[in-house]
Amino acid sequence: MTDSAPTLPDAADITHAGFAAIIGAPNAGKSTLTNLLVGTKVAIVTHKVQTTRFPIRGVAHKDTVQIVLVDTPGIFRAKKRLDRAMVKAAWSGAEEADAVIHLIDASAWVADRAGEATGAQKLSVEDDRRVMETLKETGRKAFLALNKIDLFAHENVLPIMAELSDAGVYEEIFMISALNGDGVAPMLEKLAEKMPAGPALYPPEQTADLPMRLLAAEVTREKLMLRLHQELPYQLMVETESWEPFDNGAVRVRQAVIIAREQHKGMVLGKGGSAIKAIGKAAREDLSEMLGQPVHLFLFVKVDPKWMERREAYQSVGLEFDA
């Protein structure tokens, strides 16, 4: 993969089109890989686990083949309602896809084998094994992508490749870096071969299947997650309440940052409103670049202790409330 923008085919030239789901443990790099293959940002990315909450479709191309990538939430041992809904959405995306990529943070496996894994890395390996067990139970074959190969010597991963290959659930194994694109081109070739014959599912110039209001809310949530710490990011959501276009091409966006506890309000606002101003500025700049138009973004904080138990909060992003 290179940094140059991919050349898009004409819709009439597309001969094959289908879906490829990217599944894996939280923070394996699924959204980073999706953005790389699409060639632009369609999914938010942070260093925190559980950033992606619902499947996001990004549109990629390989010659005359259209590949609709389904970036799914991380798969982990779910207990809370929101967590269960996210995990179910991930498996639903895999069941409906023409191809499945199981993306693994290989650096976690290398550290685990060396007895140097952190708590988060141990959890990642456990979650990966859980995915493998489910693939084996369902009989679904997948491509395995060992990600973050830029973080360790390649010979360290050879015994891990042998172990994972013996699991019998992978068609092929690729060593990649979703961050810099190493090893991604051969995987894209194999994904293209899996796509069924048929016309384009989306106009080639469309990069994502995501309503603009939802995309804007996700961008703001990304900035909140990058700014805030501890458990607070997982207890908040963002809703785009109004979207008002102007004749000069600009748009006025009003969003509510919804938190579960009154005592968290100060953390979101910051001293003298400094945190919310910085978050709004970063989100506004990102959105303006993504949309190619000026964005006037207005944020306010709303306290709703029961938002994670409200059915409409799940339906608005396509999650199942009763998962």
C-alpha atoms as a PDB file:
ATOM      1  CA  MET A   1       0.000   0.000   0.000  1.00  0.00           C
ATOM      2  CA  THR A   2       1.188   3.519  -0.683  1.00  0.00           C
ATOM      3  CA  ASP A   3       0.258   6.940   0.560  1.00  0.00           C
ATOM      4  CA  SER A   4      -1.122   7.947  -2.845  1.00  0.00           C
ATOM      5  CA  ALA A   5      -4.880   8.057  -3.273  1.00  0.00           C
ATOM      6  CA  PRO A   6      -6.249   4.969  -5.040  1.00  0.00           C
ATOM      7  CA  THR A   7      -7.560   5.324  -8.583  1.00  0.00           C
ATOM      8  CA  LEU A   8     -11.305   4.706  -8.535  1.00  0.00           C
ATOM      9  CA  PRO A   9     -12.961   2.605 -11.237  1.00  0.00           C
ATOM     10  CA  ASP A  10     -16.101   3.731 -12.990  1.00  0.00           C
ATOM     11  CA  ALA A  11     -19.252   2.128 -11.625  1.00  0.00           C
ATOM     12  CA  ALA A  12     -19.912   0.510 -15.004  1.00  0.00           C
ATOM     13  CA  ASP A  13     -16.499  -1.198 -14.908  1.00  0.00           C
ATOM     14  CA  ILE A  14     -17.023  -2.947 -11.569  1.00  0.00           C
ATOM     15  CA  THR A  15     -17.506  -6.685 -12.145  1.00  0.00           C
ATOM     16  CA  HIS A  16     -17.510  -8.014  -8.573  1.00  0.00           C
ATOM     17  CA  ALA A  17     -18.750  -6.557  -5.287  1.00  0.00           C
ATOM     18  CA  GLY A  18     -19.306  -7.883  -1.783  1.00  0.00           C
ATOM     19  CA  PHE A  19     -18.698  -7.509   1.930  1.00  0.00           C
ATOM     20  CA  ALA A  20     -15.627  -8.265   4.048  1.00  0.00           C
ATOM     21  CA  ALA A  21     -15.995  -8.157   7.825  1.00  0.00           C
ATOM     22  CA  ILE A  22     -13.031  -7.313  10.036  1.00  0.00           C
ATOM     23  CA  ILE A  23     -13.405  -8.957  13.448  1.00  0.00           C
ATOM     24  CA  GLY A  24     -11.117  -9.277  16.439  1.00  0.00           C
ATOM     25  CA  ALA A  25     -10.387  -8.288  20.013  1.00  0.00           C
ATOM     26  CA  PRO A  26     -10.727  -4.657  21.128  1.00  0.00           C
ATOM     27  CA  ASN A  27      -7.852  -2.414  20.029  1.00  0.00           C
ATOM     28  CA  ALA A  28      -6.458  -4.893  17.495  1.00  0.00           C
ATOM     29  CA  GLY A  29      -6.398  -2.151  14.843  1.00  0.00           C
ATOM     30  CA  LYS A  30      -9.628  -2.875  12.933  1.00  0.00           C
ATOM     31  CA  SER A  31     -10.554   0.770  12.377  1.00  0.00           C
ATOM     32  CA  THR A  32      -6.983   1.672  11.386  1.00  0.00           C
ATOM     33  CA  LEU A  33      -7.043  -1.120   8.783  1.00  0.00           C
ATOM     34  CA  THR A  34     -10.445  -0.043   7.492  1.00  0.00           C
ATOM     35  CA  ASN A  35      -9.275   3.547   7.033  1.00  0.00           C
ATOM     36  CA  LEU A  36      -6.101   2.373   5.290  1.00  0.00           C
ATOM     37  CA  LEU A  37      -7.946   0.169   2.789  1.00  0.00           C
ATOM     38  CA  VAL A  38     -10.599   2.804   2.052  1.00  0.00           C
ATOM     39  CA  GLY A  39      -7.930   5.454   1.608  1.00  0.00           C
ATOM     40  CA  THR A  40      -9.525   7.998   3.936  1.00  0.00           C
ATOM     41  CA  LYS A  41     -10.876   8.224   7.462  1.00  0.00           C
ATOM     42  CA  VAL A  42     -14.278   6.559   7.847  1.00  0.00           C
ATOM     43  CA  ALA A  43     -13.879   5.076  11.351  1.00  0.00           C
ATOM     44  CA  ILE A  44     -12.680   6.766  14.510  1.00  0.00           C
ATOM     45  CA  VAL A  45      -9.440   5.547  16.071  1.00  0.00           C
ATOM     46  CA  THR A  46      -8.147   5.930  19.627  1.00  0.00           C
ATOM     47  CA  HIS A  47      -5.727   4.056  21.861  1.00  0.00           C
ATOM     48  CA  LYS A  48      -8.629   3.007  24.092  1.00  0.00           C
ATOM     49  CA  VAL A  49     -10.428  -0.320  23.758  1.00  0.00           C
ATOM     50  CA  GLN A  50     -14.081  -0.467  22.705  1.00  0.00           C
ATOM     51  CA  THR A  51     -13.782   2.680  20.583  1.00  0.00           C
ATOM     52  CA  THR A  52     -15.946   1.231  17.799  1.00  0.00           C
ATOM     53  CA  ARG A  53     -19.493   0.649  19.056  1.00  0.00           C
ATOM     54  CA  PHE A  54     -21.327  -0.410  15.896  1.00  0.00           C
ATOM     55  CA  PRO A  55     -20.439  -1.768  12.445  1.00  0.00           C
ATOM     56  CA  ILE A  56     -19.164   0.877  10.031  1.00  0.00           C
ATOM     57  CA  ARG A  57     -19.039   0.166   6.306  1.00  0.00           C
ATOM     58  CA  GLY A  58     -16.125   1.568   4.341  1.00  0.00           C
ATOM     59  CA  VAL A  59     -15.920   1.212   0.553  1.00  0.00           C
ATOM     60  CA  ALA A  60     -12.612   0.011  -0.937  1.00  0.00           C
ATOM     61  CA  HIS A  61     -11.627  -1.076  -4.438  1.00  0.00           C
ATOM     62  CA  LYS A  62      -9.129  -3.415  -6.038  1.00  0.00           C
ATOM     63  CA  ASP A  63      -9.088  -2.879  -9.807  1.00  0.00           C
ATOM     64  CA  THR A  64     -12.677  -3.678 -10.913  1.00  0.00           C
ATOM     65  CA  VAL A  65     -13.696  -5.242  -7.585  1.00  0.00           C
ATOM     66  CA  GLN A  66     -15.583  -3.316  -4.906  1.00  0.00           C
ATOM     67  CA  ILE A  67     -14.991  -4.481  -1.324  1.00  0.00           C
ATOM     68  CA  VAL A  68     -17.315  -3.121   1.338  1.00  0.00           C
ATOM     69  CA  LEU A  69     -15.357  -3.407   4.576  1.00  0.00           C
ATOM     70  CA  VAL A  70     -17.404  -3.884   7.737  1.00  0.00           C
ATOM     71  CA  ASP A  71     -15.419  -2.507  10.679  1.00  0.00           C
ATOM     72  CA  THR A  72     -16.979  -4.247  13.672  1.00  0.00           C
ATOM     73  CA  PRO A  73     -16.841  -3.613  17.434  1.00  0.00           C
ATOM     74  CA  GLY A  74     -14.252  -5.574  19.385  1.00  0.00           C
ATOM     75  CA  ILE A  75     -15.186  -9.076  20.521  1.00  0.00           C
ATOM     76  CA  PHE A  76     -14.646  -9.669  24.229  1.00  0.00           C
ATOM     77  CA  ARG A  77     -16.359 -11.231  27.253  1.00  0.00           C
ATOM     78  CA  ALA A  78     -19.449  -9.023  27.449  1.00  0.00           C
ATOM     79  CA  LYS A  79     -21.452  -8.447  30.623  1.00  0.00           C
ATOM     80  CA  LYS A  80     -23.212  -5.078  30.332  1.00  0.00           C
ATOM     81  CA  ARG A  81     -26.079  -4.476  27.908  1.00  0.00           C
ATOM     82  CA  LEU A  82     -24.073  -2.142  25.675  1.00  0.00           C
ATOM     83  CA  ASP A  83     -21.166  -4.592  25.575  1.00  0.00           C
ATOM     84  CA  ARG A  84     -23.453  -7.502  24.629  1.00  0.00           C
ATOM     85  CA  ALA A  85     -25.033  -5.441  21.853  1.00  0.00           C
ATOM     86  CA  MET A  86     -21.602  -4.525  20.473  1.00  0.00           C
ATOM     87  CA  VAL A  87     -20.348  -8.119  20.433  1.00  0.00           C
ATOM     88  CA  LYS A  88     -23.547  -9.376  18.793  1.00  0.00           C
ATOM     89  CA  ALA A  89     -23.199  -6.674  16.115  1.00  0.00           C
ATOM     90  CA  ALA A  90     -19.653  -7.853  15.418  1.00  0.00           C
ATOM     91  CA  TRP A  91     -20.683 -11.486  14.884  1.00  0.00           C
ATOM     92  CA  SER A  92     -23.709 -10.436  12.821  1.00  0.00           C
ATOM     93  CA  GLY A  93     -21.374  -8.531  10.514  1.00  0.00           C
ATOM     94  CA  ALA A  94     -19.226 -11.633  10.093  1.00  0.00           C
ATOM     95  CA  GLU A  95     -22.175 -13.952   9.415  1.00  0.00           C
ATOM     96  CA  GLU A  96     -23.453 -11.765   6.588  1.00  0.00           C
ATOM     97  CA  ALA A  97     -20.072 -11.156   4.917  1.00  0.00           C
ATOM     98  CA  ASP A  98     -18.572 -12.796   1.841  1.00  0.00           C
ATOM     99  CA  ALA A  99     -15.161 -12.824   3.527  1.00  0.00           C
ATOM    100  CA  VAL A 100     -13.948 -12.501   7.111  1.00  0.00           C
ATOM    101  CA  ILE A 101     -10.651 -11.137   8.394  1.00  0.00           C
ATOM    102  CA  HIS A 102      -9.695 -12.042  11.950  1.00  0.00           C
ATOM    103  CA  LEU A 103      -7.309  -9.252  12.912  1.00  0.00           C
ATOM    104  CA  ILE A 104      -4.963 -10.089  15.788  1.00  0.00           C
ATOM    105  CA  ASP A 105      -2.592  -7.815  17.672  1.00  0.00           C
ATOM    106  CA  ALA A 106       0.470 -10.003  17.128  1.00  0.00           C
ATOM    107  CA  SER A 107       2.542  -7.927  19.541  1.00  0.00           C
ATOM    108  CA  ALA A 108       0.276  -9.116  22.373  1.00  0.00           C
ATOM    109  CA  TRP A 109       0.870 -12.769  21.405  1.00  0.00           C
ATOM    110  CA  VAL A 110       4.641 -12.217  21.173  1.00  0.00           C
ATOM    111  CA  ALA A 111       4.667 -10.614  24.625  1.00  0.00           C
ATOM    112  CA  ASP A 112       2.455 -13.370  26.035  1.00  0.00           C
ATOM    113  CA  ARG A 113       4.709 -16.127  24.698  1.00  0.00           C
ATOM    114  CA  ALA A 114       7.735 -14.360  26.200  1.00  0.00           C
ATOM    115  CA  GLY A 115       5.998 -14.065  29.587  1.00  0.00           C
ATOM    116  CA  GLU A 116       6.064 -10.264  29.316  1.00  0.00           C
ATOM    117  CA  ALA A 117       2.412  -9.544  28.530  1.00  0.00           C
ATOM    118  CA  THR A 118       0.565  -6.777  30.347  1.00  0.00           C
ATOM    119  CA  GLY A 119      -2.958  -7.282  31.669  1.00  0.00           C
ATOM    120  CA  ALA A 120      -4.441  -5.736  28.508  1.00  0.00           C
ATOM    121  CA  GLN A 121      -2.285  -7.944  26.276  1.00  0.00           C
ATOM    122  CA  LYS A 122      -3.332 -11.074  28.180  1.00  0.00           C
ATOM    123  CA  LEU A 123      -6.983 -10.101  27.725  1.00  0.00           C
ATOM    124  CA  SER A 124      -6.374  -9.549  24.014  1.00  0.00           C
ATOM    125  CA  VAL A 125      -4.957 -13.065  23.601  1.00  0.00           C
ATOM    126  CA  GLU A 126      -7.874 -14.540  25.575  1.00  0.00           C
ATOM    127  CA  ASP A 127     -10.356 -12.678  23.372  1.00  0.00           C
ATOM    128  CA  ASP A 128      -8.553 -13.909  20.241  1.00  0.00           C
ATOM    129  CA  ARG A 129      -8.833 -17.506  21.429  1.00  0.00           C
ATOM    130  CA  ARG A 130     -12.539 -16.953  22.053  1.00  0.00           C
ATOM    131  CA  VAL A 131     -12.953 -15.747  18.460  1.00  0.00           C
ATOM    132  CA  MET A 132     -11.083 -18.818  17.207  1.00  0.00           C
ATOM    133  CA  GLU A 133     -13.360 -21.112  19.217  1.00  0.00           C
ATOM    134  CA  THR A 134     -16.467 -19.493  17.750  1.00  0.00           C
ATOM    135  CA  LEU A 135     -15.086 -19.741  14.210  1.00  0.00           C
ATOM    136  CA  LYS A 136     -14.404 -23.434  14.804  1.00  0.00           C
ATOM    137  CA  GLU A 137     -17.905 -24.009  16.213  1.00  0.00           C
ATOM    138  CA  THR A 138     -19.602 -22.298  13.275  1.00  0.00           C
ATOM    139  CA  GLY A 139     -17.305 -23.801  10.656  1.00  0.00           C
ATOM    140  CA  ARG A 140     -16.656 -20.346   9.210  1.00  0.00           C
ATOM    141  CA  LYS A 141     -13.252 -19.975   7.563  1.00  0.00           C
ATOM    142  CA  ALA A 142     -11.446 -16.664   7.839  1.00  0.00           C
ATOM    143  CA  PHE A 143      -8.299 -14.884   6.756  1.00  0.00           C
ATOM    144  CA  LEU A 144      -5.930 -14.264   9.667  1.00  0.00           C
ATOM    145  CA  ALA A 145      -4.129 -10.918   9.709  1.00  0.00           C
ATOM    146  CA  LEU A 146      -1.345 -10.646  12.277  1.00  0.00           C
ATOM    147  CA  ASN A 147      -1.172  -6.907  12.863  1.00  0.00           C
ATOM    148  CA  LYS A 148       1.473  -4.563  14.322  1.00  0.00           C
ATOM    149  CA  ILE A 149       4.398  -6.478  12.837  1.00  0.00           C
ATOM    150  CA  ASP A 150       6.371  -3.234  12.946  1.00  0.00           C
ATOM    151  CA  LEU A 151       6.639  -3.635  16.739  1.00  0.00           C
ATOM    152  CA  PHE A 152       8.785  -6.787  16.946  1.00  0.00           C
ATOM    153  CA  ALA A 153      11.329  -8.944  15.096  1.00  0.00           C
ATOM    154  CA  HIS A 154       9.552 -11.119  12.545  1.00  0.00           C
ATOM    155  CA  GLU A 155      11.201 -14.347  13.689  1.00  0.00           C
ATOM    156  CA  ASN A 156       9.378 -13.925  17.010  1.00  0.00           C
ATOM    157  CA  VAL A 157       6.042 -14.519  15.330  1.00  0.00           C
ATOM    158  CA  LEU A 158       6.908 -17.758  13.477  1.00  0.00           C
ATOM    159  CA  PRO A 159       5.934 -20.124  16.341  1.00  0.00           C
ATOM    160  CA  ILE A 160       2.731 -18.117  16.822  1.00  0.00           C
ATOM    161  CA  MET A 161       1.879 -18.479  13.134  1.00  0.00           C
ATOM    162  CA  ALA A 162       2.401 -22.232  13.429  1.00  0.00           C
ATOM    163  CA  GLU A 163       0.127 -22.446  16.481  1.00  0.00           C
ATOM    164  CA  LEU A 164      -2.643 -20.390  14.889  1.00  0.00           C
ATOM    165  CA  SER A 165      -2.391 -22.281  11.612  1.00  0.00           C
ATOM    166  CA  ASP A 166      -2.917 -25.548  13.499  1.00  0.00           C
ATOM    167  CA  ALA A 167      -6.255 -24.204  14.812  1.00  0.00           C
ATOM    168  CA  GLY A 168      -7.759 -25.134  11.444  1.00  0.00           C
ATOM    169  CA  VAL A 169      -9.967 -22.049  11.089  1.00  0.00           C
ATOM    170  CA  TYR A 170      -7.844 -19.903   8.762  1.00  0.00           C
ATOM    171  CA  GLU A 171      -7.610 -20.068   4.980  1.00  0.00           C
ATOM    172  CA  GLU A 172      -4.478 -17.945   4.833  1.00  0.00           C
ATOM    173  CA  ILE A 173      -2.285 -15.965   7.194  1.00  0.00           C
ATOM    174  CA  PHE A 174      -0.944 -12.488   6.501  1.00  0.00           C
ATOM    175  CA  MET A 175       1.589 -10.454   8.449  1.00  0.00           C
ATOM    176  CA  ILE A 176       0.626  -6.796   8.219  1.00  0.00           C
ATOM    177  CA  SER A 177       0.923  -3.355   9.712  1.00  0.00           C
ATOM    178  CA  ALA A 178      -2.370  -1.508   9.475  1.00  0.00           C
ATOM    179  CA  LEU A 179      -0.494   1.610  10.549  1.00  0.00           C
ATOM    180  CA  ASN A 180       2.009   1.791   7.691  1.00  0.00           C
ATOM    181  CA  GLY A 181       0.469  -0.619   5.159  1.00  0.00           C
ATOM    182  CA  ASP A 182       3.168  -3.306   5.181  1.00  0.00           C
ATOM    183  CA  GLY A 183       1.854  -6.636   3.908  1.00  0.00           C
ATOM    184  CA  VAL A 184      -1.654  -5.297   3.221  1.00  0.00           C
ATOM    185  CA  ALA A 185      -1.574  -5.482  -0.613  1.00  0.00           C
ATOM    186  CA  PRO A 186      -1.498  -9.332  -0.816  1.00  0.00           C
ATOM    187  CA  MET A 187      -4.376  -9.531   1.646  1.00  0.00           C
ATOM    188  CA  LEU A 188      -6.410  -7.076  -0.437  1.00  0.00           C
ATOM    189  CA  GLU A 189      -5.791  -9.272  -3.503  1.00  0.00           C
ATOM    190  CA  LYS A 190      -7.216 -12.309  -1.688  1.00  0.00           C
ATOM    191  CA  LEU A 191     -10.213 -10.334  -0.424  1.00  0.00           C
ATOM    192  CA  ALA A 192     -10.972  -9.249  -3.996  1.00  0.00           C
ATOM    193  CA  GLU A 193     -10.962 -12.899  -5.098  1.00  0.00           C
ATOM    194  CA  LYS A 194     -13.678 -13.649  -2.518  1.00  0.00           C
ATOM    195  CA  MET A 195     -16.124 -11.041  -3.771  1.00  0.00           C
ATOM    196  CA  PRO A 196     -19.041 -12.419  -5.829  1.00  0.00           C
ATOM    197  CA  ALA A 197     -19.804 -11.325  -9.362  1.00  0.00           C
ATOM    198  CA  GLY A 198     -22.161  -8.378  -9.551  1.00  0.00           C
ATOM    199  CA  PRO A 199     -22.469  -4.623  -9.995  1.00  0.00           C
ATOM    200  CA  ALA A 200     -21.195  -2.004  -7.581  1.00  0.00           C
ATOM    201  CA  LEU A 201     -23.048  -1.841  -4.266  1.00  0.00           C
ATOM    202  CA  TYR A 202     -22.107   1.820  -3.756  1.00  0.00           C
ATOM    203  CA  PRO A 203     -21.003   4.638  -6.062  1.00  0.00           C
ATOM    204  CA  PRO A 204     -17.188   4.272  -6.294  1.00  0.00           C
ATOM    205  CA  GLU A 205     -16.650   7.810  -4.983  1.00  0.00           C
ATOM    206  CA  GLN A 206     -18.615   7.043  -1.799  1.00  0.00           C
ATOM    207  CA  THR A 207     -16.233   6.116   1.006  1.00  0.00           C
ATOM    208  CA  ALA A 208     -18.648   5.046   3.753  1.00  0.00           C
ATOM    209  CA  ASP A 209     -22.216   4.018   4.463  1.00  0.00           C
ATOM    210  CA  LEU A 210     -22.772   6.231   7.473  1.00  0.00           C
ATOM    211  CA  PRO A 211     -25.310   9.049   7.903  1.00  0.00           C
ATOM    212  CA  MET A 212     -23.592  12.422   8.190  1.00  0.00           C
ATOM    213  CA  ARG A 213     -25.138  13.157  11.583  1.00  0.00           C
ATOM    214  CA  LEU A 214     -23.808   9.874  12.955  1.00  0.00           C
ATOM    215  CA  LEU A 215     -20.365  10.429  11.441  1.00  0.00           C
ATOM    216  CA  ALA A 216     -20.206  13.854  13.088  1.00  0.00           C
ATOM    217  CA  ALA A 217     -21.199  12.373  16.453  1.00  0.00           C
ATOM    218  CA  GLU A 218     -18.522   9.695  16.118  1.00  0.00           C
ATOM    219  CA  VAL A 219     -15.817  12.266  15.350  1.00  0.00           C
ATOM    220  CA  THR A 220     -16.711  14.225  18.488  1.00  0.00           C
ATOM    221  CA  ARG A 221     -16.756  11.012  20.551  1.00  0.00           C
ATOM    222  CA  GLU A 222     -13.280  10.215  19.243  1.00  0.00           C
ATOM    223  CA  LYS A 223     -11.979  13.567  20.509  1.00  0.00           C
ATOM    224  CA  LEU A 224     -13.655  13.006  23.872  1.00  0.00           C
ATOM    225  CA  MET A 225     -12.022   9.586  24.210  1.00  0.00           C
ATOM    226  CA  LEU A 226      -8.613  10.970  23.316  1.00  0.00           C
ATOM    227  CA  ARG A 227      -8.964  13.806  25.837  1.00  0.00           C
ATOM    228  CA  LEU A 228     -10.596  12.051  28.793  1.00  0.00           C
ATOM    229  CA  HIS A 229      -9.209   9.285  30.945  1.00  0.00           C
ATOM    230  CA  GLN A 230     -10.148   6.390  33.199  1.00  0.00           C
ATOM    231  CA  GLU A 231     -13.618   4.894  32.643  1.00  0.00           C
ATOM    232  CA  LEU A 232     -15.497   8.036  31.655  1.00  0.00           C
ATOM    233  CA  PRO A 233     -15.195   7.565  27.840  1.00  0.00           C
ATOM    234  CA  TYR A 234     -17.206   4.343  28.057  1.00  0.00           C
ATOM    235  CA  GLN A 235     -19.991   6.031  29.987  1.00  0.00           C
ATOM    236  CA  LEU A 236     -20.757   8.743  27.454  1.00  0.00           C
ATOM    237  CA  MET A 237     -22.293   9.099  24.040  1.00  0.00           C
ATOM    238  CA  VAL A 238     -22.730  11.919  21.534  1.00  0.00           C
ATOM    239  CA  GLU A 239     -25.924  12.788  19.696  1.00  0.00           C
ATOM    240  CA  THR A 240     -26.175  15.204  16.781  1.00  0.00           C
ATOM    241  CA  GLU A 241     -29.337  17.135  17.625  1.00  0.00           C
ATOM    242  CA  SER A 242     -29.410  19.530  14.676  1.00  0.00           C
ATOM    243  CA  TRP A 243     -27.723  19.915  11.295  1.00  0.00           C
ATOM    244  CA  GLU A 244     -28.355  23.243   9.588  1.00  0.00           C
ATOM    245  CA  PRO A 245     -26.738  23.948   6.181  1.00  0.00           C
ATOM    246  CA  PHE A 246     -26.198  27.551   5.032  1.00  0.00           C
ATOM    247  CA  ASP A 247     -26.276  29.034   1.557  1.00  0.00           C
ATOM    248  CA  ASN A 248     -22.542  29.782   1.701  1.00  0.00           C
ATOM    249  CA  GLY A 249     -21.722  26.053   1.988  1.00  0.00           C
ATOM    250  CA  ALA A 250     -21.093  26.029   5.741  1.00  0.00           C
ATOM    251  CA  VAL A 251     -23.067  23.914   8.193  1.00  0.00           C
ATOM    252  CA  ARG A 252     -24.097  24.539  11.796  1.00  0.00           C
ATOM    253  CA  VAL A 253     -24.019  21.404  13.959  1.00  0.00           C
ATOM    254  CA  ARG A 254     -25.355  21.152  17.506  1.00  0.00           C
ATOM    255  CA  GLN A 255     -24.414  18.092  19.555  1.00  0.00           C
ATOM    256  CA  ALA A 256     -25.190  16.791  23.021  1.00  0.00           C
ATOM    257  CA  VAL A 257     -22.465  15.028  25.004  1.00  0.00           C
ATOM    258  CA  ILE A 258     -24.490  12.666  27.192  1.00  0.00           C
ATOM    259  CA  ILE A 259     -22.958  11.416  30.437  1.00  0.00           C
ATOM    260  CA  ALA A 260     -24.360   9.140  33.135  1.00  0.00           C
ATOM    261  CA  ARG A 261     -23.271  11.026  36.249  1.00  0.00           C
ATOM    262  CA  GLU A 262     -23.513  14.654  37.336  1.00  0.00           C
ATOM    263  CA  GLN A 263     -20.061  14.494  38.944  1.00  0.00           C
ATOM    264  CA  HIS A 264     -18.506  13.739  35.531  1.00  0.00           C
ATOM    265  CA  LYS A 265     -19.736  17.022  34.081  1.00  0.00           C
ATOM    266  CA  GLY A 266     -16.761  18.958  35.384  1.00  0.00           C
ATOM    267  CA  MET A 267     -14.338  16.531  33.738  1.00  0.00           C
ATOM    268  CA  VAL A 268     -15.977  16.996  30.351  1.00  0.00           C
ATOM    269  CA  LEU A 269     -16.203  20.777  30.656  1.00  0.00           C
ATOM    270  CA  GLY A 270     -12.751  21.332  32.176  1.00  0.00           C
ATOM    271  CA  LYS A 271     -11.659  24.399  34.101  1.00  0.00           C
ATOM    272  CA  GLY A 272     -13.431  27.420  32.668  1.00  0.00           C
ATOM    273  CA  GLY A 273     -14.777  25.220  29.853  1.00  0.00           C
ATOM    274  CA  SER A 274     -11.248  24.548  28.558  1.00  0.00           C
ATOM    275  CA  ALA A 275     -11.752  20.827  27.904  1.00  0.00           C
ATOM    276  CA  ILE A 276     -15.016  21.094  25.978  1.00  0.00           C
ATOM    277  CA  LYS A 277     -13.590  23.997  23.933  1.00  0.00           C
ATOM    278  CA  ALA A 278     -10.510  21.968  22.967  1.00  0.00           C
ATOM    279  CA  ILE A 279     -12.647  18.923  22.130  1.00  0.00           C
ATOM    280  CA  GLY A 280     -15.001  21.044  20.016  1.00  0.00           C
ATOM    281  CA  LYS A 281     -12.105  22.692  18.171  1.00  0.00           C
ATOM    282  CA  ALA A 282     -10.475  19.342  17.324  1.00  0.00           C
ATOM    283  CA  ALA A 283     -13.791  17.830  16.182  1.00  0.00           C
ATOM    284  CA  ARG A 284     -14.662  20.907  14.120  1.00  0.00           C
ATOM    285  CA  GLU A 285     -11.321  20.867  12.310  1.00  0.00           C
ATOM    286  CA  ASP A 286     -11.605  17.141  11.583  1.00  0.00           C
ATOM    287  CA  LEU A 287     -15.154  17.443  10.305  1.00  0.00           C
ATOM    288  CA  SER A 288     -14.376  20.460   8.136  1.00  0.00           C
ATOM    289  CA  GLU A 289     -11.569  18.515   6.474  1.00  0.00           C
ATOM    290  CA  MET A 290     -13.667  15.364   6.019  1.00  0.00           C
ATOM    291  CA  LEU A 291     -16.681  17.231   4.624  1.00  0.00           C
ATOM    292  CA  GLY A 292     -14.745  19.786   2.607  1.00  0.00           C
ATOM    293  CA  GLN A 293     -16.856  22.615   4.013  1.00  0.00           C
ATOM    294  CA  PRO A 294     -16.777  24.973   7.016  1.00  0.00           C
ATOM    295  CA  VAL A 295     -18.372  23.479  10.141  1.00  0.00           C
ATOM    296  CA  HIS A 296     -19.670  25.527  13.063  1.00  0.00           C
ATOM    297  CA  LEU A 297     -19.893  23.045  15.932  1.00  0.00           C
ATOM    298  CA  PHE A 298     -21.683  23.725  19.201  1.00  0.00           C
ATOM    299  CA  LEU A 299     -21.397  21.248  22.082  1.00  0.00           C
ATOM    300  CA  PHE A 300     -23.282  21.054  25.358  1.00  0.00           C
ATOM    301  CA  VAL A 301     -23.292  18.462  28.142  1.00  0.00           C
ATOM    302  CA  LYS A 302     -26.405  16.566  29.198  1.00  0.00           C
ATOM    303  CA  VAL A 303     -26.691  14.246  32.215  1.00  0.00           C
ATOM    304  CA  ASP A 304     -28.823  11.124  31.681  1.00  0.00           C
ATOM    305  CA  PRO A 305     -28.110   8.379  34.261  1.00  0.00           C
ATOM    306  CA  LYS A 306     -30.123   5.813  32.285  1.00  0.00           C
ATOM    307  CA  TRP A 307     -28.967   6.460  28.719  1.00  0.00           C
ATOM    308  CA  MET A 308     -27.322   2.995  28.470  1.00  0.00           C
ATOM    309  CA  GLU A 309     -30.704   1.420  29.282  1.00  0.00           C
ATOM    310  CA  ARG A 310     -32.731   3.390  26.735  1.00  0.00           C
ATOM    311  CA  ARG A 311     -33.794   1.411  23.648  1.00  0.00           C
ATOM    312  CA  GLU A 312     -33.614   4.442  21.342  1.00  0.00           C
ATOM    313  CA  ALA A 313     -29.911   4.964  22.149  1.00  0.00           C
ATOM    314  CA  TYR A 314     -29.196   1.549  20.614  1.00  0.00           C
ATOM    315  CA  GLN A 315     -31.580   1.808  17.689  1.00  0.00           C
ATOM    316  CA  SER A 316     -30.036   5.110  16.586  1.00  0.00           C
ATOM    317  CA  VAL A 317     -26.739   3.326  15.820  1.00  0.00           C
ATOM    318  CA  GLY A 318     -28.164   0.006  14.640  1.00  0.00           C
ATOM    319  CA  LEU A 319     -27.473  -2.048  17.771  1.00  0.00           C
ATOM    320  CA  GLU A 320     -29.882  -4.590  19.233  1.00  0.00           C
ATOM    321  CA  PHE A 321     -31.193  -3.473  22.627  1.00  0.00           C
ATOM    322  CA  ASP A 322     -32.068  -7.051  23.662  1.00  0.00           C
ATOM    323  CA  ALA A 323     -28.822  -8.694  22.538  1.00  0.00           C
END
